[in-house]
Amino acid sequence: MKAIALFSGGLDSTLAMKLIIDQGIEVIACNINTGFGSTKDRLTHMKNMCAQVGAEFRSVDIRDEYIQEVLFSPKYGYGKNFNPCIDCHAKMFEVAKRLMEEWGASFLISGEVLGQRPMSQNRESLDKVLNLSNCGGLLLRPLSAQSLEPTIAELEGWIDRDKLENIVGRNRDRQMELAQKFELKDYEAPGGGCLLTDEHFSRKIRDFIAHDTFEVADIPTLKYGRQLRLPEGAKLIIGRDADDNAVLEGIENHKYIHIDTDLFGPHSLISANASDSDKTLAAKLVLAYCKQDFAGEQTLNIGEEKITTVCDLSRKDAAKYFI
């Protein structure tokens, strides 16, 4: 028998899988990619956690579906920032449920803990997720199972409810005990892994949709680099470091053109429809972030256009354009 686990890579979802695997159930760890996870590549970490508990790892990309159906029209609204947590969780379970027949699974599991997050994991919110995803009875939450209604897996005897947990609230002592018991290594400290819960990232999204229609290809343009909005409406993205530069150099998005210079400095993008005035300002701002060992006029390539200007602005001047 198989179960599909909604897997984030965190300790709670890892423990939930281990509790089920130890009862003889094969578990497929399904990591659902909405596009708004960490900017760091966590693939190696997630595969490592799955290997430690004996789960098979699979990833499912729902970025377009998520943008079209959840991000801008959540039934239950947003959290503190741009995070539609209840609708987001429901969409993930809906997707997992769709995969059950194809993957040969009989039920779903998640690492949610009753009361751990006051807004999105209280009893009412957990019930809303079940109703919205139409997963009532199918979804087992092993870490809090004994405080929740029995699910199909328990009622049918596939799972021994007495071997599940009764964790409630934000205290993580029991999770630490289980991690030690199962000899788990290199697990992550708890924390928000979703960029939509971040105030600064949320501000970037709000700015973007005030000027343009949001698409999957736009996600990386918000996740990397300094974000600036210029006086005549152009968006300027200036790389912060070598990692940012590498990502920005690889972006091919018809909404942007690349800014290149022979100087030691950042790689940048600017709106393809930028005015001449905004392009000139962008050139000056990019120069402000180049290594300060040059003088006089400098020529930058903005798309196929060459713009020659001097560096007469500072990084402090650039700050007034930050989003």
C-alpha atoms as a PDB file:
ATOM      1  CA  MET A   1       0.000   0.000   0.000  1.00  0.00           C
ATOM      2  CA  LYS A   2       1.165   3.526  -0.788  1.00  0.00           C
ATOM      3  CA  ALA A   3       0.584   7.023   0.569  1.00  0.00           C
ATOM      4  CA  ILE A   4       1.483  10.392  -0.926  1.00  0.00           C
ATOM      5  CA  ALA A   5       3.081  12.813   1.523  1.00  0.00           C
ATOM      6  CA  LEU A   6       3.050  16.558   0.983  1.00  0.00           C
ATOM      7  CA  PHE A   7       6.746  17.141   1.557  1.00  0.00           C
ATOM      8  CA  SER A   8       8.391  20.494   2.228  1.00  0.00           C
ATOM      9  CA  GLY A   9      11.813  19.212   3.190  1.00  0.00           C
ATOM     10  CA  GLY A  10      11.281  20.297   6.791  1.00  0.00           C
ATOM     11  CA  LEU A  11      11.452  18.209   9.942  1.00  0.00           C
ATOM     12  CA  ASP A  12       7.693  17.912  10.502  1.00  0.00           C
ATOM     13  CA  SER A  13       6.934  16.452   7.084  1.00  0.00           C
ATOM     14  CA  THR A  14       9.937  14.134   7.412  1.00  0.00           C
ATOM     15  CA  LEU A  15       8.712  12.849  10.775  1.00  0.00           C
ATOM     16  CA  ALA A  16       5.186  12.384   9.420  1.00  0.00           C
ATOM     17  CA  MET A  17       6.541  10.180   6.640  1.00  0.00           C
ATOM     18  CA  LYS A  18       8.672   8.145   9.045  1.00  0.00           C
ATOM     19  CA  LEU A  19       5.681   7.407  11.308  1.00  0.00           C
ATOM     20  CA  ILE A  20       3.782   6.004   8.327  1.00  0.00           C
ATOM     21  CA  ILE A  21       6.720   4.148   6.764  1.00  0.00           C
ATOM     22  CA  ASP A  22       7.318   2.423  10.099  1.00  0.00           C
ATOM     23  CA  GLN A  23       3.829   0.940   9.791  1.00  0.00           C
ATOM     24  CA  GLY A  24       4.744  -0.789   6.548  1.00  0.00           C
ATOM     25  CA  ILE A  25       3.319   1.789   4.127  1.00  0.00           C
ATOM     26  CA  GLU A  26       5.301   2.879   1.072  1.00  0.00           C
ATOM     27  CA  VAL A  27       5.485   6.685   0.982  1.00  0.00           C
ATOM     28  CA  ILE A  28       6.040   8.945  -2.018  1.00  0.00           C
ATOM     29  CA  ALA A  29       7.306  12.356  -0.892  1.00  0.00           C
ATOM     30  CA  CYS A  30       5.640  14.863  -3.184  1.00  0.00           C
ATOM     31  CA  ASN A  31       7.249  18.288  -3.196  1.00  0.00           C
ATOM     32  CA  ILE A  32       4.946  20.731  -4.962  1.00  0.00           C
ATOM     33  CA  ASN A  33       6.701  23.623  -6.659  1.00  0.00           C
ATOM     34  CA  THR A  34       4.610  26.796  -6.634  1.00  0.00           C
ATOM     35  CA  GLY A  35       7.603  28.909  -7.645  1.00  0.00           C
ATOM     36  CA  PHE A  36       7.771  30.801  -4.366  1.00  0.00           C
ATOM     37  CA  GLY A  37      10.017  28.638  -2.245  1.00  0.00           C
ATOM     38  CA  SER A  38      13.467  29.668  -1.104  1.00  0.00           C
ATOM     39  CA  THR A  39      15.934  31.229  -3.514  1.00  0.00           C
ATOM     40  CA  LYS A  40      18.357  28.473  -2.481  1.00  0.00           C
ATOM     41  CA  ASP A  41      18.335  25.142  -4.276  1.00  0.00           C
ATOM     42  CA  ARG A  42      17.029  22.674  -1.681  1.00  0.00           C
ATOM     43  CA  LEU A  43      16.804  19.634  -3.946  1.00  0.00           C
ATOM     44  CA  THR A  44      19.856  17.910  -2.452  1.00  0.00           C
ATOM     45  CA  HIS A  45      18.578  18.517   1.078  1.00  0.00           C
ATOM     46  CA  MET A  46      15.093  17.165   0.313  1.00  0.00           C
ATOM     47  CA  LYS A  47      16.482  14.031  -1.310  1.00  0.00           C
ATOM     48  CA  ASN A  48      18.757  13.521   1.700  1.00  0.00           C
ATOM     49  CA  MET A  49      15.845  13.696   4.157  1.00  0.00           C
ATOM     50  CA  CYS A  50      13.823  11.256   2.062  1.00  0.00           C
ATOM     51  CA  ALA A  51      16.746   8.849   1.911  1.00  0.00           C
ATOM     52  CA  GLN A  52      17.067   8.894   5.706  1.00  0.00           C
ATOM     53  CA  VAL A  53      13.466   7.739   6.234  1.00  0.00           C
ATOM     54  CA  GLY A  54      13.091   5.569   3.145  1.00  0.00           C
ATOM     55  CA  ALA A  55      10.662   7.673   1.094  1.00  0.00           C
ATOM     56  CA  GLU A  56      10.707   8.108  -2.660  1.00  0.00           C
ATOM     57  CA  PHE A  57      11.117  11.746  -3.709  1.00  0.00           C
ATOM     58  CA  ARG A  58       9.148  13.302  -6.557  1.00  0.00           C
ATOM     59  CA  SER A  59       8.615  16.941  -7.529  1.00  0.00           C
ATOM     60  CA  VAL A  60       5.537  18.390  -9.228  1.00  0.00           C
ATOM     61  CA  ASP A  61       5.545  21.802 -10.921  1.00  0.00           C
ATOM     62  CA  ILE A  62       2.248  23.682 -10.521  1.00  0.00           C
ATOM     63  CA  ARG A  63       3.557  27.232 -11.002  1.00  0.00           C
ATOM     64  CA  ASP A  64       1.197  28.225 -13.811  1.00  0.00           C
ATOM     65  CA  GLU A  65      -1.837  26.630 -12.148  1.00  0.00           C
ATOM     66  CA  TYR A  66      -0.920  28.304  -8.868  1.00  0.00           C
ATOM     67  CA  ILE A  67      -0.673  31.763 -10.408  1.00  0.00           C
ATOM     68  CA  GLN A  68      -3.881  31.353 -12.395  1.00  0.00           C
ATOM     69  CA  GLU A  69      -6.047  29.821  -9.663  1.00  0.00           C
ATOM     70  CA  VAL A  70      -4.644  30.735  -6.248  1.00  0.00           C
ATOM     71  CA  LEU A  71      -2.183  33.598  -5.966  1.00  0.00           C
ATOM     72  CA  PHE A  72      -4.405  36.503  -6.973  1.00  0.00           C
ATOM     73  CA  SER A  73      -7.852  35.208  -6.041  1.00  0.00           C
ATOM     74  CA  PRO A  74      -7.710  33.189  -2.803  1.00  0.00           C
ATOM     75  CA  LYS A  75     -11.100  32.289  -1.384  1.00  0.00           C
ATOM     76  CA  TYR A  76      -9.832  32.718   2.182  1.00  0.00           C
ATOM     77  CA  GLY A  77      -7.674  35.773   1.544  1.00  0.00           C
ATOM     78  CA  TYR A  78      -4.088  36.453   2.549  1.00  0.00           C
ATOM     79  CA  GLY A  79      -2.050  36.230   5.717  1.00  0.00           C
ATOM     80  CA  LYS A  80       0.038  39.126   6.979  1.00  0.00           C
ATOM     81  CA  ASN A  81       1.694  39.604   3.594  1.00  0.00           C
ATOM     82  CA  PHE A  82       0.940  38.069   0.154  1.00  0.00           C
ATOM     83  CA  ASN A  83       0.530  34.543   1.504  1.00  0.00           C
ATOM     84  CA  PRO A  84      -2.772  32.778   0.709  1.00  0.00           C
ATOM     85  CA  CYS A  85      -1.892  29.973   3.113  1.00  0.00           C
ATOM     86  CA  ILE A  86      -5.243  28.198   3.398  1.00  0.00           C
ATOM     87  CA  ASP A  87      -5.893  28.254  -0.353  1.00  0.00           C
ATOM     88  CA  CYS A  88      -2.267  27.306  -1.024  1.00  0.00           C
ATOM     89  CA  HIS A  89      -2.422  24.230   1.196  1.00  0.00           C
ATOM     90  CA  ALA A  90      -5.761  23.250  -0.306  1.00  0.00           C
ATOM     91  CA  LYS A  91      -4.354  23.509  -3.840  1.00  0.00           C
ATOM     92  CA  MET A  92      -1.435  21.267  -2.896  1.00  0.00           C
ATOM     93  CA  PHE A  93      -3.742  18.615  -1.457  1.00  0.00           C
ATOM     94  CA  GLU A  94      -6.008  18.901  -4.496  1.00  0.00           C
ATOM     95  CA  VAL A  95      -3.016  18.244  -6.743  1.00  0.00           C
ATOM     96  CA  ALA A  96      -1.861  15.316  -4.598  1.00  0.00           C
ATOM     97  CA  LYS A  97      -5.355  13.831  -4.686  1.00  0.00           C
ATOM     98  CA  ARG A  98      -5.321  14.026  -8.503  1.00  0.00           C
ATOM     99  CA  LEU A  99      -2.102  12.023  -8.495  1.00  0.00           C
ATOM    100  CA  MET A 100      -3.366   9.211  -6.256  1.00  0.00           C
ATOM    101  CA  GLU A 101      -4.669   6.939  -8.987  1.00  0.00           C
ATOM    102  CA  GLU A 102      -1.662   7.510 -11.268  1.00  0.00           C
ATOM    103  CA  TRP A 103       0.805   6.842  -8.448  1.00  0.00           C
ATOM    104  CA  GLY A 104      -1.180   3.987  -6.911  1.00  0.00           C
ATOM    105  CA  ALA A 105      -1.722   5.692  -3.551  1.00  0.00           C
ATOM    106  CA  SER A 106      -4.567   5.011  -1.120  1.00  0.00           C
ATOM    107  CA  PHE A 107      -4.339   8.078   1.109  1.00  0.00           C
ATOM    108  CA  LEU A 108      -2.485  11.351   1.734  1.00  0.00           C
ATOM    109  CA  ILE A 109      -0.361  12.546   4.637  1.00  0.00           C
ATOM    110  CA  SER A 110       1.103  15.872   5.739  1.00  0.00           C
ATOM    111  CA  GLY A 111       3.346  17.180   8.490  1.00  0.00           C
ATOM    112  CA  GLU A 112       0.879  19.788   9.722  1.00  0.00           C
ATOM    113  CA  VAL A 113       0.619  20.204  13.492  1.00  0.00           C
ATOM    114  CA  LEU A 114      -2.594  21.391  15.092  1.00  0.00           C
ATOM    115  CA  GLY A 115      -2.063  24.855  16.592  1.00  0.00           C
ATOM    116  CA  GLN A 116       1.552  25.223  15.463  1.00  0.00           C
ATOM    117  CA  ARG A 117       0.703  28.226  13.285  1.00  0.00           C
ATOM    118  CA  PRO A 118      -2.120  30.232  14.863  1.00  0.00           C
ATOM    119  CA  MET A 119      -3.667  31.430  11.606  1.00  0.00           C
ATOM    120  CA  SER A 120      -3.182  28.574   9.137  1.00  0.00           C
ATOM    121  CA  GLN A 121      -3.055  25.501  11.389  1.00  0.00           C
ATOM    122  CA  ASN A 122      -5.841  26.067  13.880  1.00  0.00           C
ATOM    123  CA  ARG A 123      -8.665  23.540  13.774  1.00  0.00           C
ATOM    124  CA  GLU A 124     -10.941  25.778  11.688  1.00  0.00           C
ATOM    125  CA  SER A 125      -8.232  26.399   9.097  1.00  0.00           C
ATOM    126  CA  LEU A 126      -7.330  22.711   8.848  1.00  0.00           C
ATOM    127  CA  ASP A 127     -11.006  21.933   8.223  1.00  0.00           C
ATOM    128  CA  LYS A 128     -11.201  24.671   5.566  1.00  0.00           C
ATOM    129  CA  VAL A 129      -8.253  23.081   3.759  1.00  0.00           C
ATOM    130  CA  LEU A 130      -9.987  19.703   3.780  1.00  0.00           C
ATOM    131  CA  ASN A 131     -13.238  21.132   2.452  1.00  0.00           C
ATOM    132  CA  LEU A 132     -11.636  23.308  -0.216  1.00  0.00           C
ATOM    133  CA  SER A 133      -9.433  20.468  -1.496  1.00  0.00           C
ATOM    134  CA  ASN A 134     -12.231  17.873  -1.188  1.00  0.00           C
ATOM    135  CA  CYS A 135      -9.834  15.610   0.722  1.00  0.00           C
ATOM    136  CA  GLY A 136     -11.998  14.886   3.747  1.00  0.00           C
ATOM    137  CA  GLY A 137     -11.161  11.420   5.096  1.00  0.00           C
ATOM    138  CA  LEU A 138      -8.202  10.976   2.756  1.00  0.00           C
ATOM    139  CA  LEU A 139      -5.741  13.266   4.522  1.00  0.00           C
ATOM    140  CA  LEU A 140      -3.945  11.905   7.588  1.00  0.00           C
ATOM    141  CA  ARG A 141      -1.879  14.284   9.738  1.00  0.00           C
ATOM    142  CA  PRO A 142       0.302  11.816  11.711  1.00  0.00           C
ATOM    143  CA  LEU A 143       1.842  14.323  14.127  1.00  0.00           C
ATOM    144  CA  SER A 144      -1.535  15.456  15.490  1.00  0.00           C
ATOM    145  CA  ALA A 145      -3.669  12.470  14.508  1.00  0.00           C
ATOM    146  CA  GLN A 146      -4.837  11.606  18.017  1.00  0.00           C
ATOM    147  CA  SER A 147      -6.301  15.106  18.419  1.00  0.00           C
ATOM    148  CA  LEU A 148      -8.127  14.984  15.095  1.00  0.00           C
ATOM    149  CA  GLU A 149     -10.977  12.955  13.644  1.00  0.00           C
ATOM    150  CA  PRO A 150      -9.973   9.454  12.469  1.00  0.00           C
ATOM    151  CA  THR A 151      -9.313   9.239   8.743  1.00  0.00           C
ATOM    152  CA  ILE A 152     -10.074   6.467   6.258  1.00  0.00           C
ATOM    153  CA  ALA A 153      -6.592   4.982   6.712  1.00  0.00           C
ATOM    154  CA  GLU A 154      -7.221   4.617  10.442  1.00  0.00           C
ATOM    155  CA  LEU A 155     -10.844   3.473  10.218  1.00  0.00           C
ATOM    156  CA  GLU A 156      -9.943   0.832   7.628  1.00  0.00           C
ATOM    157  CA  GLY A 157      -7.107  -0.477   9.767  1.00  0.00           C
ATOM    158  CA  TRP A 158      -4.347   0.391   7.303  1.00  0.00           C
ATOM    159  CA  ILE A 159      -2.753   2.518  10.030  1.00  0.00           C
ATOM    160  CA  ASP A 160      -2.642   1.941  13.792  1.00  0.00           C
ATOM    161  CA  ARG A 161      -3.865   5.223  15.281  1.00  0.00           C
ATOM    162  CA  ASP A 162      -2.223   4.403  18.624  1.00  0.00           C
ATOM    163  CA  LYS A 163       1.202   4.583  16.969  1.00  0.00           C
ATOM    164  CA  LEU A 164       0.598   8.132  15.727  1.00  0.00           C
ATOM    165  CA  GLU A 165       1.276  11.331  17.650  1.00  0.00           C
ATOM    166  CA  ASN A 166      -0.801  13.821  19.634  1.00  0.00           C
ATOM    167  CA  ILE A 167       1.292  16.972  19.166  1.00  0.00           C
ATOM    168  CA  VAL A 168      -0.581  20.255  19.617  1.00  0.00           C
ATOM    169  CA  GLY A 169       0.779  23.798  19.718  1.00  0.00           C
ATOM    170  CA  ARG A 170       4.041  25.542  18.993  1.00  0.00           C
ATOM    171  CA  ASN A 171       6.336  23.707  21.400  1.00  0.00           C
ATOM    172  CA  ARG A 172       8.645  21.452  19.387  1.00  0.00           C
ATOM    173  CA  ASP A 173      10.067  19.293  22.174  1.00  0.00           C
ATOM    174  CA  ARG A 174       8.291  16.174  20.926  1.00  0.00           C
ATOM    175  CA  GLN A 175       9.562  16.714  17.377  1.00  0.00           C
ATOM    176  CA  MET A 176      13.113  16.968  18.741  1.00  0.00           C
ATOM    177  CA  GLU A 177      12.605  13.726  20.686  1.00  0.00           C
ATOM    178  CA  LEU A 178      11.385  11.959  17.554  1.00  0.00           C
ATOM    179  CA  ALA A 179      14.267  13.308  15.474  1.00  0.00           C
ATOM    180  CA  GLN A 180      16.698  11.900  18.017  1.00  0.00           C
ATOM    181  CA  LYS A 181      14.812   8.591  18.217  1.00  0.00           C
ATOM    182  CA  PHE A 182      14.885   8.187  14.432  1.00  0.00           C
ATOM    183  CA  GLU A 183      18.515   9.394  14.275  1.00  0.00           C
ATOM    184  CA  LEU A 184      17.739  12.056  11.714  1.00  0.00           C
ATOM    185  CA  LYS A 185      20.714  14.159  10.591  1.00  0.00           C
ATOM    186  CA  ASP A 186      21.055  17.587   8.973  1.00  0.00           C
ATOM    187  CA  TYR A 187      17.408  18.534   9.343  1.00  0.00           C
ATOM    188  CA  GLU A 188      16.515  22.199   9.058  1.00  0.00           C
ATOM    189  CA  ALA A 189      15.515  24.481  11.899  1.00  0.00           C
ATOM    190  CA  PRO A 190      11.852  25.498  11.601  1.00  0.00           C
ATOM    191  CA  GLY A 191      11.220  28.676   9.663  1.00  0.00           C
ATOM    192  CA  GLY A 192       9.177  30.211   6.924  1.00  0.00           C
ATOM    193  CA  GLY A 193      10.354  28.825   3.606  1.00  0.00           C
ATOM    194  CA  CYS A 194       7.739  30.621   1.508  1.00  0.00           C
ATOM    195  CA  LEU A 195       8.718  33.956  -0.014  1.00  0.00           C
ATOM    196  CA  LEU A 196       5.093  35.052  -0.016  1.00  0.00           C
ATOM    197  CA  THR A 197       5.265  35.394   3.774  1.00  0.00           C
ATOM    198  CA  ASP A 198       8.119  37.897   3.416  1.00  0.00           C
ATOM    199  CA  GLU A 199       7.141  41.575   3.627  1.00  0.00           C
ATOM    200  CA  HIS A 200       9.755  42.764   1.129  1.00  0.00           C
ATOM    201  CA  PHE A 201       8.973  40.100  -1.451  1.00  0.00           C
ATOM    202  CA  SER A 202       5.258  40.824  -1.108  1.00  0.00           C
ATOM    203  CA  ARG A 203       5.943  44.475  -1.833  1.00  0.00           C
ATOM    204  CA  LYS A 204       7.755  43.474  -5.023  1.00  0.00           C
ATOM    205  CA  ILE A 205       4.748  41.464  -6.219  1.00  0.00           C
ATOM    206  CA  ARG A 206       2.344  44.324  -5.494  1.00  0.00           C
ATOM    207  CA  ASP A 207       4.561  46.712  -7.418  1.00  0.00           C
ATOM    208  CA  PHE A 208       4.809  44.296 -10.345  1.00  0.00           C
ATOM    209  CA  ILE A 209       1.076  43.694 -10.749  1.00  0.00           C
ATOM    210  CA  ALA A 210       0.468  47.447 -10.587  1.00  0.00           C
ATOM    211  CA  HIS A 211       2.422  47.715 -13.853  1.00  0.00           C
ATOM    212  CA  ASP A 212       2.105  44.373 -15.641  1.00  0.00           C
ATOM    213  CA  THR A 213       0.406  40.966 -15.863  1.00  0.00           C
ATOM    214  CA  PHE A 214       2.192  38.331 -13.801  1.00  0.00           C
ATOM    215  CA  GLU A 215       3.378  35.121 -15.506  1.00  0.00           C
ATOM    216  CA  VAL A 216       5.521  32.133 -14.551  1.00  0.00           C
ATOM    217  CA  ALA A 217       8.520  33.588 -16.380  1.00  0.00           C
ATOM    218  CA  ASP A 218       8.357  36.643 -14.107  1.00  0.00           C
ATOM    219  CA  ILE A 219       8.969  34.698 -10.882  1.00  0.00           C
ATOM    220  CA  PRO A 220      12.799  34.666 -11.038  1.00  0.00           C
ATOM    221  CA  THR A 221      12.871  38.363 -11.902  1.00  0.00           C
ATOM    222  CA  LEU A 222      11.404  39.048  -8.448  1.00  0.00           C
ATOM    223  CA  LYS A 223      13.507  36.540  -6.525  1.00  0.00           C
ATOM    224  CA  TYR A 224      16.933  37.909  -7.428  1.00  0.00           C
ATOM    225  CA  GLY A 225      18.685  41.261  -7.480  1.00  0.00           C
ATOM    226  CA  ARG A 226      17.908  44.752  -6.232  1.00  0.00           C
ATOM    227  CA  GLN A 227      14.507  45.851  -7.529  1.00  0.00           C
ATOM    228  CA  LEU A 228      14.066  49.453  -8.646  1.00  0.00           C
ATOM    229  CA  ARG A 229      11.155  51.324 -10.262  1.00  0.00           C
ATOM    230  CA  LEU A 230      12.372  54.246 -12.388  1.00  0.00           C
ATOM    231  CA  PRO A 231      10.576  57.599 -12.861  1.00  0.00           C
ATOM    232  CA  GLU A 232       8.966  56.817 -16.222  1.00  0.00           C
ATOM    233  CA  GLY A 233       7.836  53.345 -15.177  1.00  0.00           C
ATOM    234  CA  ALA A 234      10.673  51.013 -16.188  1.00  0.00           C
ATOM    235  CA  LYS A 235      11.695  48.193 -13.878  1.00  0.00           C
ATOM    236  CA  LEU A 236      15.429  47.870 -13.204  1.00  0.00           C
ATOM    237  CA  ILE A 237      16.995  44.797 -11.580  1.00  0.00           C
ATOM    238  CA  ILE A 238      20.618  45.041 -10.434  1.00  0.00           C
ATOM    239  CA  GLY A 239      22.486  41.934  -9.307  1.00  0.00           C
ATOM    240  CA  ARG A 240      23.709  41.910  -5.697  1.00  0.00           C
ATOM    241  CA  ASP A 241      26.472  39.323  -5.969  1.00  0.00           C
ATOM    242  CA  ALA A 242      27.957  36.622  -8.183  1.00  0.00           C
ATOM    243  CA  ASP A 243      25.033  34.243  -7.545  1.00  0.00           C
ATOM    244  CA  ASP A 244      22.490  36.910  -8.502  1.00  0.00           C
ATOM    245  CA  ASN A 245      24.498  37.804 -11.589  1.00  0.00           C
ATOM    246  CA  ALA A 246      24.593  34.193 -12.751  1.00  0.00           C
ATOM    247  CA  VAL A 247      20.819  33.840 -12.449  1.00  0.00           C
ATOM    248  CA  LEU A 248      20.056  37.202 -14.080  1.00  0.00           C
ATOM    249  CA  GLU A 249      22.389  36.451 -16.994  1.00  0.00           C
ATOM    250  CA  GLY A 250      20.400  33.284 -17.690  1.00  0.00           C
ATOM    251  CA  ILE A 251      16.985  34.932 -17.712  1.00  0.00           C
ATOM    252  CA  GLU A 252      15.282  35.090 -21.101  1.00  0.00           C
ATOM    253  CA  ASN A 253      12.065  37.033 -20.666  1.00  0.00           C
ATOM    254  CA  HIS A 254      10.581  39.159 -23.439  1.00  0.00           C
ATOM    255  CA  LYS A 255       9.666  41.823 -20.879  1.00  0.00           C
ATOM    256  CA  TYR A 256      13.328  42.590 -20.157  1.00  0.00           C
ATOM    257  CA  ILE A 257      16.585  43.362 -21.909  1.00  0.00           C
ATOM    258  CA  HIS A 258      20.049  42.831 -20.463  1.00  0.00           C
ATOM    259  CA  ILE A 259      22.505  45.536 -19.419  1.00  0.00           C
ATOM    260  CA  ASP A 260      26.164  44.638 -19.897  1.00  0.00           C
ATOM    261  CA  THR A 261      29.370  46.499 -19.132  1.00  0.00           C
ATOM    262  CA  ASP A 262      33.052  45.629 -19.418  1.00  0.00           C
ATOM    263  CA  LEU A 263      33.578  46.958 -15.902  1.00  0.00           C
ATOM    264  CA  PHE A 264      33.677  44.724 -12.829  1.00  0.00           C
ATOM    265  CA  GLY A 265      30.128  45.034 -11.594  1.00  0.00           C
ATOM    266  CA  PRO A 266      26.579  43.690 -11.543  1.00  0.00           C
ATOM    267  CA  HIS A 267      24.577  42.104 -14.305  1.00  0.00           C
ATOM    268  CA  SER A 268      21.279  43.940 -14.729  1.00  0.00           C
ATOM    269  CA  LEU A 269      17.918  43.806 -16.481  1.00  0.00           C
ATOM    270  CA  ILE A 270      15.599  46.627 -17.510  1.00  0.00           C
ATOM    271  CA  SER A 271      12.092  46.682 -18.948  1.00  0.00           C
ATOM    272  CA  ALA A 272      12.193  46.133 -22.697  1.00  0.00           C
ATOM    273  CA  ASN A 273       9.856  49.116 -23.213  1.00  0.00           C
ATOM    274  CA  ALA A 274      11.919  51.504 -21.071  1.00  0.00           C
ATOM    275  CA  SER A 275      12.083  55.122 -22.235  1.00  0.00           C
ATOM    276  CA  ASP A 276      15.376  56.686 -23.312  1.00  0.00           C
ATOM    277  CA  SER A 277      15.360  58.698 -20.090  1.00  0.00           C
ATOM    278  CA  ASP A 278      14.940  55.603 -17.926  1.00  0.00           C
ATOM    279  CA  LYS A 279      17.645  53.775 -19.891  1.00  0.00           C
ATOM    280  CA  THR A 280      20.111  56.582 -19.290  1.00  0.00           C
ATOM    281  CA  LEU A 281      19.247  56.675 -15.595  1.00  0.00           C
ATOM    282  CA  ALA A 282      19.594  52.890 -15.442  1.00  0.00           C
ATOM    283  CA  ALA A 283      23.065  53.092 -16.947  1.00  0.00           C
ATOM    284  CA  LYS A 284      24.129  55.579 -14.278  1.00  0.00           C
ATOM    285  CA  LEU A 285      22.653  53.449 -11.490  1.00  0.00           C
ATOM    286  CA  VAL A 286      24.388  50.308 -12.743  1.00  0.00           C
ATOM    287  CA  LEU A 287      27.692  52.193 -12.850  1.00  0.00           C
ATOM    288  CA  ALA A 288      27.137  53.244  -9.234  1.00  0.00           C
ATOM    289  CA  TYR A 289      27.309  49.552  -8.288  1.00  0.00           C
ATOM    290  CA  CYS A 290      30.428  48.807 -10.342  1.00  0.00           C
ATOM    291  CA  LYS A 291      33.851  48.586  -8.715  1.00  0.00           C
ATOM    292  CA  GLN A 292      34.989  52.162  -8.167  1.00  0.00           C
ATOM    293  CA  ASP A 293      38.284  52.170 -10.068  1.00  0.00           C
ATOM    294  CA  PHE A 294      37.180  53.935 -13.238  1.00  0.00           C
ATOM    295  CA  ALA A 295      36.582  57.532 -14.289  1.00  0.00           C
ATOM    296  CA  GLY A 296      35.077  59.483 -17.162  1.00  0.00           C
ATOM    297  CA  GLU A 297      32.540  58.316 -19.709  1.00  0.00           C
ATOM    298  CA  GLN A 298      31.601  54.657 -19.848  1.00  0.00           C
ATOM    299  CA  THR A 299      29.662  52.736 -22.484  1.00  0.00           C
ATOM    300  CA  LEU A 300      27.052  50.131 -21.509  1.00  0.00           C
ATOM    301  CA  ASN A 301      25.120  47.760 -23.747  1.00  0.00           C
ATOM    302  CA  ILE A 302      21.380  47.943 -23.051  1.00  0.00           C
ATOM    303  CA  GLY A 303      20.004  45.270 -25.293  1.00  0.00           C
ATOM    304  CA  GLU A 304      21.341  46.128 -28.738  1.00  0.00           C
ATOM    305  CA  GLU A 305      21.684  49.803 -27.864  1.00  0.00           C
ATOM    306  CA  LYS A 306      24.885  51.442 -26.615  1.00  0.00           C
ATOM    307  CA  ILE A 307      24.587  54.209 -24.035  1.00  0.00           C
ATOM    308  CA  THR A 308      27.560  56.329 -23.034  1.00  0.00           C
ATOM    309  CA  THR A 309      27.360  58.237 -19.768  1.00  0.00           C
ATOM    310  CA  VAL A 310      29.300  59.169 -16.652  1.00  0.00           C
ATOM    311  CA  CYS A 311      28.903  57.792 -13.154  1.00  0.00           C
ATOM    312  CA  ASP A 312      27.510  60.867 -11.379  1.00  0.00           C
ATOM    313  CA  LEU A 313      25.098  59.028  -9.057  1.00  0.00           C
ATOM    314  CA  SER A 314      25.836  57.161  -5.843  1.00  0.00           C
ATOM    315  CA  ARG A 315      24.334  54.040  -4.299  1.00  0.00           C
ATOM    316  CA  LYS A 316      22.586  56.384  -1.887  1.00  0.00           C
ATOM    317  CA  ASP A 317      20.914  58.047  -4.887  1.00  0.00           C
ATOM    318  CA  ALA A 318      19.769  54.626  -6.076  1.00  0.00           C
ATOM    319  CA  ALA A 319      17.995  53.909  -2.795  1.00  0.00           C
ATOM    320  CA  LYS A 320      15.117  56.292  -3.579  1.00  0.00           C
ATOM    321  CA  TYR A 321      14.094  54.016  -6.474  1.00  0.00           C
ATOM    322  CA  PHE A 322      14.081  50.785  -4.463  1.00  0.00           C
ATOM    323  CA  ILE A 323      10.809  48.894  -4.374  1.00  0.00           C
END
